[in-house]
PDB file of N, CA and C in Angstrom:
ATOM      1  N   MET A   1      25.586  23.132  13.812  1.00  0.00           N
ATOM      2  CA  MET A   1      24.644  22.397  14.680  1.00  0.00           C
ATOM      3  C   MET A   1      25.048  20.969  14.738  1.00  0.00           C
ATOM      4  N   LEU A   2      25.280  20.275  13.597  1.00  0.00           N
ATOM      5  CA  LEU A   2      25.649  18.777  13.668  1.00  0.00           C
ATOM      6  C   LEU A   2      27.082  18.694  14.242  1.00  0.00           C
ATOM      7  N   ALA A   3      27.984  19.657  13.957  1.00  0.00           N
ATOM      8  CA  ALA A   3      29.266  19.559  14.436  1.00  0.00           C
ATOM      9  C   ALA A   3      29.324  19.588  15.946  1.00  0.00           C
ATOM     10  N   ASP A   4      28.389  20.395  16.556  1.00  0.00           N
ATOM     11  CA  ASP A   4      28.267  20.450  18.033  1.00  0.00           C
ATOM     12  C   ASP A   4      27.835  19.121  18.631  1.00  0.00           C
ATOM     13  N   LEU A   5      27.214  18.217  17.833  1.00  0.00           N
ATOM     14  CA  LEU A   5      26.751  16.944  18.342  1.00  0.00           C
ATOM     15  C   LEU A   5      27.850  15.818  18.128  1.00  0.00           C
ATOM     16  N   HIS A   6      28.933  16.082  17.531  1.00  0.00           N
ATOM     17  CA  HIS A   6      29.941  15.101  17.073  1.00  0.00           C
ATOM     18  C   HIS A   6      30.212  14.134  18.294  1.00  0.00           C
ATOM     19  N   GLU A   7      30.674  14.660  19.349  1.00  0.00           N
ATOM     20  CA  GLU A   7      31.091  13.810  20.450  1.00  0.00           C
ATOM     21  C   GLU A   7      29.983  12.973  20.998  1.00  0.00           C
ATOM     22  N   GLU A   8      28.791  13.474  21.130  1.00  0.00           N
ATOM     23  CA  GLU A   8      27.645  12.749  21.689  1.00  0.00           C
ATOM     24  C   GLU A   8      27.240  11.679  20.646  1.00  0.00           C
ATOM     25  N   LEU A   9      27.274  11.957  19.347  1.00  0.00           N
ATOM     26  CA  LEU A   9      26.941  10.932  18.375  1.00  0.00           C
ATOM     27  C   LEU A   9      28.010   9.760  18.391  1.00  0.00           C
ATOM     28  N   GLU A  10      29.224  10.195  18.457  1.00  0.00           N
ATOM     29  CA  GLU A  10      30.334   9.131  18.503  1.00  0.00           C
ATOM     30  C   GLU A  10      30.117   8.230  19.635  1.00  0.00           C
ATOM     31  N   ALA A  11      29.815   8.855  20.894  1.00  0.00           N
ATOM     32  CA  ALA A  11      29.633   8.064  22.078  1.00  0.00           C
ATOM     33  C   ALA A  11      28.409   7.112  21.984  1.00  0.00           C
ATOM     34  N   LEU A  12      27.310   7.688  21.394  1.00  0.00           N
ATOM     35  CA  LEU A  12      26.102   6.874  21.292  1.00  0.00           C
ATOM     36  C   LEU A  12      26.383   5.627  20.352  1.00  0.00           C
ATOM     37  N   VAL A  13      27.066   5.875  19.248  1.00  0.00           N
ATOM     38  CA  VAL A  13      27.354   4.795  18.302  1.00  0.00           C
ATOM     39  C   VAL A  13      28.206   3.788  18.900  1.00  0.00           C
ATOM     40  N   SER A  14      29.256   4.183  19.646  1.00  0.00           N
ATOM     41  CA  SER A  14      30.266   3.245  20.205  1.00  0.00           C
ATOM     42  C   SER A  14      29.565   2.476  21.247  1.00  0.00           C
ATOM     43  N   SER A  15      28.674   3.038  22.056  1.00  0.00           N
ATOM     44  CA  SER A  15      28.023   2.291  23.149  1.00  0.00           C
ATOM     45  C   SER A  15      26.935   1.361  22.529  1.00  0.00           C
ATOM     46  N   ALA A  16      26.437   1.601  21.357  1.00  0.00           N
ATOM     47  CA  ALA A  16      25.416   0.748  20.770  1.00  0.00           C
ATOM     48  C   ALA A  16      26.019  -0.614  20.289  1.00  0.00           C
ATOM     49  N   GLY A  17      27.283  -0.625  20.044  1.00  0.00           N
ATOM     50  CA  GLY A  17      27.884  -1.815  19.499  1.00  0.00           C
ATOM     51  C   GLY A  17      27.701  -1.874  17.987  1.00  0.00           C
ATOM     52  N   TRP A  18      28.055  -2.973  17.348  1.00  0.00           N
ATOM     53  CA  TRP A  18      28.070  -3.221  15.913  1.00  0.00           C
ATOM     54  C   TRP A  18      28.933  -2.142  15.222  1.00  0.00           C
ATOM     55  N   GLU A  19      28.874  -2.213  13.842  1.00  0.00           N
ATOM     56  CA  GLU A  19      29.475  -1.207  13.105  1.00  0.00           C
ATOM     57  C   GLU A  19      28.479  -0.382  12.401  1.00  0.00           C
ATOM     58  N   TRP A  20      28.622   0.926  12.425  1.00  0.00           N
ATOM     59  CA  TRP A  20      27.676   1.886  11.909  1.00  0.00           C
ATOM     60  C   TRP A  20      28.305   2.679  10.842  1.00  0.00           C
ATOM     61  N   GLY A  21      27.518   2.949   9.757  1.00  0.00           N
ATOM     62  CA  GLY A  21      27.843   3.983   8.803  1.00  0.00           C
ATOM     63  C   GLY A  21      26.653   4.976   8.759  1.00  0.00           C
ATOM     64  N   ILE A  22      26.969   6.213   9.043  1.00  0.00           N
ATOM     65  CA  ILE A  22      25.852   7.179   9.250  1.00  0.00           C
ATOM     66  C   ILE A  22      26.178   8.495   8.440  1.00  0.00           C
ATOM     67  N   VAL A  23      25.189   8.967   7.704  1.00  0.00           N
ATOM     68  CA  VAL A  23      25.259  10.272   7.112  1.00  0.00           C
ATOM     69  C   VAL A  23      23.991  11.121   7.511  1.00  0.00           C
ATOM     70  N   LEU A  24      24.287  12.199   8.208  1.00  0.00           N
ATOM     71  CA  LEU A  24      23.215  13.146   8.610  1.00  0.00           C
ATOM     72  C   LEU A  24      23.326  14.417   7.859  1.00  0.00           C
ATOM     73  N   GLU A  25      22.285  14.946   7.275  1.00  0.00           N
ATOM     74  CA  GLU A  25      22.408  16.209   6.529  1.00  0.00           C
ATOM     75  C   GLU A  25      21.272  17.115   6.905  1.00  0.00           C
ATOM     76  N   HIS A  26      21.609  18.281   7.225  1.00  0.00           N
ATOM     77  CA  HIS A  26      20.624  19.281   7.566  1.00  0.00           C
ATOM     78  C   HIS A  26      20.111  19.824   6.198  1.00  0.00           C
ATOM     79  N   LEU A  27      18.888  19.564   5.790  1.00  0.00           N
ATOM     80  CA  LEU A  27      18.460  19.946   4.489  1.00  0.00           C
ATOM     81  C   LEU A  27      18.373  21.451   4.242  1.00  0.00           C
ATOM     82  N   GLY A  28      18.126  22.225   5.329  1.00  0.00           N
ATOM     83  CA  GLY A  28      18.031  23.677   5.228  1.00  0.00           C
ATOM     84  C   GLY A  28      19.398  24.274   5.042  1.00  0.00           C
ATOM     85  N   THR A  29      20.463  23.769   5.583  1.00  0.00           N
ATOM     86  CA  THR A  29      21.802  24.465   5.516  1.00  0.00           C
ATOM     87  C   THR A  29      22.844  23.684   4.678  1.00  0.00           C
ATOM     88  N   GLY A  30      22.538  22.386   4.466  1.00  0.00           N
ATOM     89  CA  GLY A  30      23.467  21.569   3.779  1.00  0.00           C
ATOM     90  C   GLY A  30      24.552  20.978   4.652  1.00  0.00           C
ATOM     91  N   GLU A  31      24.609  21.339   5.863  1.00  0.00           N
ATOM     92  CA  GLU A  31      25.590  20.840   6.809  1.00  0.00           C
ATOM     93  C   GLU A  31      25.403  19.344   6.856  1.00  0.00           C
ATOM     94  N   ARG A  32      26.641  18.666   6.904  1.00  0.00           N
ATOM     95  CA  ARG A  32      26.674  17.210   6.886  1.00  0.00           C
ATOM     96  C   ARG A  32      27.590  16.717   8.069  1.00  0.00           C
ATOM     97  N   TRP A  33      27.090  15.578   8.675  1.00  0.00           N
ATOM     98  CA  TRP A  33      27.937  14.783   9.636  1.00  0.00           C
ATOM     99  C   TRP A  33      27.953  13.395   9.148  1.00  0.00           C
ATOM    100  N   THR A  34      29.167  12.795   9.050  1.00  0.00           N
ATOM    101  CA  THR A  34      29.339  11.417   8.570  1.00  0.00           C
ATOM    102  C   THR A  34      30.156  10.615   9.493  1.00  0.00           C
ATOM    103  N   LEU A  35      29.905   9.337   9.474  1.00  0.00           N
ATOM    104  CA  LEU A  35      30.692   8.390  10.218  1.00  0.00           C
ATOM    105  C   LEU A  35      30.805   7.216   9.290  1.00  0.00           C
ATOM    106  N   ARG A  36      32.087   6.877   8.959  1.00  0.00           N
ATOM    107  CA  ARG A  36      32.411   5.826   8.022  1.00  0.00           C
ATOM    108  C   ARG A  36      31.623   5.829   6.670  1.00  0.00           C
ATOM    109  N   GLU A  37      31.551   7.025   6.113  1.00  0.00           N
ATOM    110  CA  GLU A  37      30.783   7.133   4.913  1.00  0.00           C
ATOM    111  C   GLU A  37      31.380   6.391   3.689  1.00  0.00           C
ATOM    112  N   ASP A  38      32.676   6.140   3.775  1.00  0.00           N
ATOM    113  CA  ASP A  38      33.439   5.474   2.700  1.00  0.00           C
ATOM    114  C   ASP A  38      33.490   3.942   2.865  1.00  0.00           C
ATOM    115  N   GLN A  39      33.018   3.444   4.017  1.00  0.00           N
ATOM    116  CA  GLN A  39      33.122   2.005   4.252  1.00  0.00           C
ATOM    117  C   GLN A  39      31.887   1.342   3.710  1.00  0.00           C
ATOM    118  N   ARG A  40      32.122   0.158   3.181  1.00  0.00           N
ATOM    119  CA  ARG A  40      30.996  -0.588   2.510  1.00  0.00           C
ATOM    120  C   ARG A  40      30.467  -1.569   3.638  1.00  0.00           C
ATOM    121  N   PHE A  41      29.164  -1.567   3.583  1.00  0.00           N
ATOM    122  CA  PHE A  41      28.349  -2.478   4.560  1.00  0.00           C
ATOM    123  C   PHE A  41      27.450  -3.287   3.795  1.00  0.00           C
ATOM    124  N   PHE A  42      27.145  -4.507   4.394  1.00  0.00           N
ATOM    125  CA  PHE A  42      26.228  -5.439   3.812  1.00  0.00           C
ATOM    126  C   PHE A  42      24.852  -4.849   4.136  1.00  0.00           C
ATOM    127  N   SER A  43      23.977  -4.816   3.094  1.00  0.00           N
ATOM    128  CA  SER A  43      22.754  -4.136   3.287  1.00  0.00           C
ATOM    129  C   SER A  43      21.555  -5.080   3.287  1.00  0.00           C
ATOM    130  N   ALA A  44      21.602  -6.110   4.112  1.00  0.00           N
ATOM    131  CA  ALA A  44      20.589  -7.103   4.131  1.00  0.00           C
ATOM    132  C   ALA A  44      19.201  -6.564   4.381  1.00  0.00           C
ATOM    133  N   SER A  45      19.042  -5.665   5.186  1.00  0.00           N
ATOM    134  CA  SER A  45      17.710  -5.154   5.557  1.00  0.00           C
ATOM    135  C   SER A  45      17.076  -4.269   4.405  1.00  0.00           C
ATOM    136  N   LEU A  46      17.957  -3.661   3.663  1.00  0.00           N
ATOM    137  CA  LEU A  46      17.496  -2.779   2.537  1.00  0.00           C
ATOM    138  C   LEU A  46      16.918  -3.570   1.425  1.00  0.00           C
ATOM    139  N   ILE A  47      17.278  -4.860   1.311  1.00  0.00           N
ATOM    140  CA  ILE A  47      16.727  -5.721   0.144  1.00  0.00           C
ATOM    141  C   ILE A  47      15.213  -5.768   0.280  1.00  0.00           C
ATOM    142  N   LYS A  48      14.625  -5.639   1.409  1.00  0.00           N
ATOM    143  CA  LYS A  48      13.199  -5.682   1.627  1.00  0.00           C
ATOM    144  C   LYS A  48      12.447  -4.619   0.841  1.00  0.00           C
ATOM    145  N   VAL A  49      13.071  -3.506   0.632  1.00  0.00           N
ATOM    146  CA  VAL A  49      12.442  -2.417  -0.021  1.00  0.00           C
ATOM    147  C   VAL A  49      12.130  -2.732  -1.506  1.00  0.00           C
ATOM    148  N   PRO A  50      13.028  -3.115  -2.326  1.00  0.00           N
ATOM    149  CA  PRO A  50      12.642  -3.458  -3.674  1.00  0.00           C
ATOM    150  C   PRO A  50      11.702  -4.684  -3.868  1.00  0.00           C
ATOM    151  N   VAL A  51      11.950  -5.571  -2.903  1.00  0.00           N
ATOM    152  CA  VAL A  51      11.077  -6.836  -2.895  1.00  0.00           C
ATOM    153  C   VAL A  51       9.619  -6.375  -2.644  1.00  0.00           C
ATOM    154  N   MET A  52       9.447  -5.599  -1.663  1.00  0.00           N
ATOM    155  CA  MET A  52       8.011  -5.248  -1.333  1.00  0.00           C
ATOM    156  C   MET A  52       7.433  -4.257  -2.372  1.00  0.00           C
ATOM    157  N   LEU A  53       8.234  -3.455  -3.019  1.00  0.00           N
ATOM    158  CA  LEU A  53       7.794  -2.671  -4.119  1.00  0.00           C
ATOM    159  C   LEU A  53       7.249  -3.544  -5.242  1.00  0.00           C
ATOM    160  N   ALA A  54       7.987  -4.607  -5.503  1.00  0.00           N
ATOM    161  CA  ALA A  54       7.538  -5.527  -6.580  1.00  0.00           C
ATOM    162  C   ALA A  54       6.235  -6.217  -6.143  1.00  0.00           C
ATOM    163  N   VAL A  55       6.140  -6.598  -4.857  1.00  0.00           N
ATOM    164  CA  VAL A  55       4.876  -7.268  -4.365  1.00  0.00           C
ATOM    165  C   VAL A  55       3.725  -6.322  -4.435  1.00  0.00           C
ATOM    166  N   PHE A  56       3.921  -5.083  -4.052  1.00  0.00           N
ATOM    167  CA  PHE A  56       2.831  -4.086  -4.070  1.00  0.00           C
ATOM    168  C   PHE A  56       2.415  -3.795  -5.574  1.00  0.00           C
ATOM    169  N   ALA A  57       3.418  -3.748  -6.476  1.00  0.00           N
ATOM    170  CA  ALA A  57       3.136  -3.430  -7.885  1.00  0.00           C
ATOM    171  C   ALA A  57       2.302  -4.602  -8.407  1.00  0.00           C
ATOM    172  N   GLU A  58       2.579  -5.840  -8.161  1.00  0.00           N
ATOM    173  CA  GLU A  58       1.876  -7.040  -8.666  1.00  0.00           C
ATOM    174  C   GLU A  58       0.384  -7.083  -8.019  1.00  0.00           C
ATOM    175  N   THR A  59       0.375  -6.709  -6.793  1.00  0.00           N
ATOM    176  CA  THR A  59      -0.911  -6.722  -6.053  1.00  0.00           C
ATOM    177  C   THR A  59      -1.803  -5.597  -6.697  1.00  0.00           C
ATOM    178  N   TYR A  60      -1.203  -4.409  -6.884  1.00  0.00           N
ATOM    179  CA  TYR A  60      -1.947  -3.341  -7.557  1.00  0.00           C
ATOM    180  C   TYR A  60      -2.528  -3.655  -8.987  1.00  0.00           C
ATOM    181  N   ALA A  61      -1.681  -4.432  -9.652  1.00  0.00           N
ATOM    182  CA  ALA A  61      -1.983  -4.902 -11.016  1.00  0.00           C
ATOM    183  C   ALA A  61      -2.955  -5.972 -11.049  1.00  0.00           C
ATOM    184  N   GLY A  62      -3.366  -6.538  -9.872  1.00  0.00           N
ATOM    185  CA  GLY A  62      -4.369  -7.651  -9.739  1.00  0.00           C
ATOM    186  C   GLY A  62      -3.768  -8.964 -10.000  1.00  0.00           C
ATOM    187  N   ARG A  63      -2.463  -9.172  -9.843  1.00  0.00           N
ATOM    188  CA  ARG A  63      -1.865 -10.493 -10.066  1.00  0.00           C
ATOM    189  C   ARG A  63      -1.531 -11.131  -8.750  1.00  0.00           C
TER     190      ARG A  63
END
C-alpha cells in the first residue's frame, strides 16, 4: 500500500520545499515508508511538547 504511493509522496515533498524527514508506518501490517530517516533535523517545534507538559503539570499541581 505505502509502496504504491512512493512516487506521489516524493513529488508532494519535493513540491513543498524545505527538507523533510518522514516515516509512515501502517500499524496493521507493519509496512513502512521512509524518506531521509537517517538524516538529523533540528526539532525546534518539538521542544514545545515537553515545555507544555511541564506547564500543565505545574498548573495541575496548583502552582
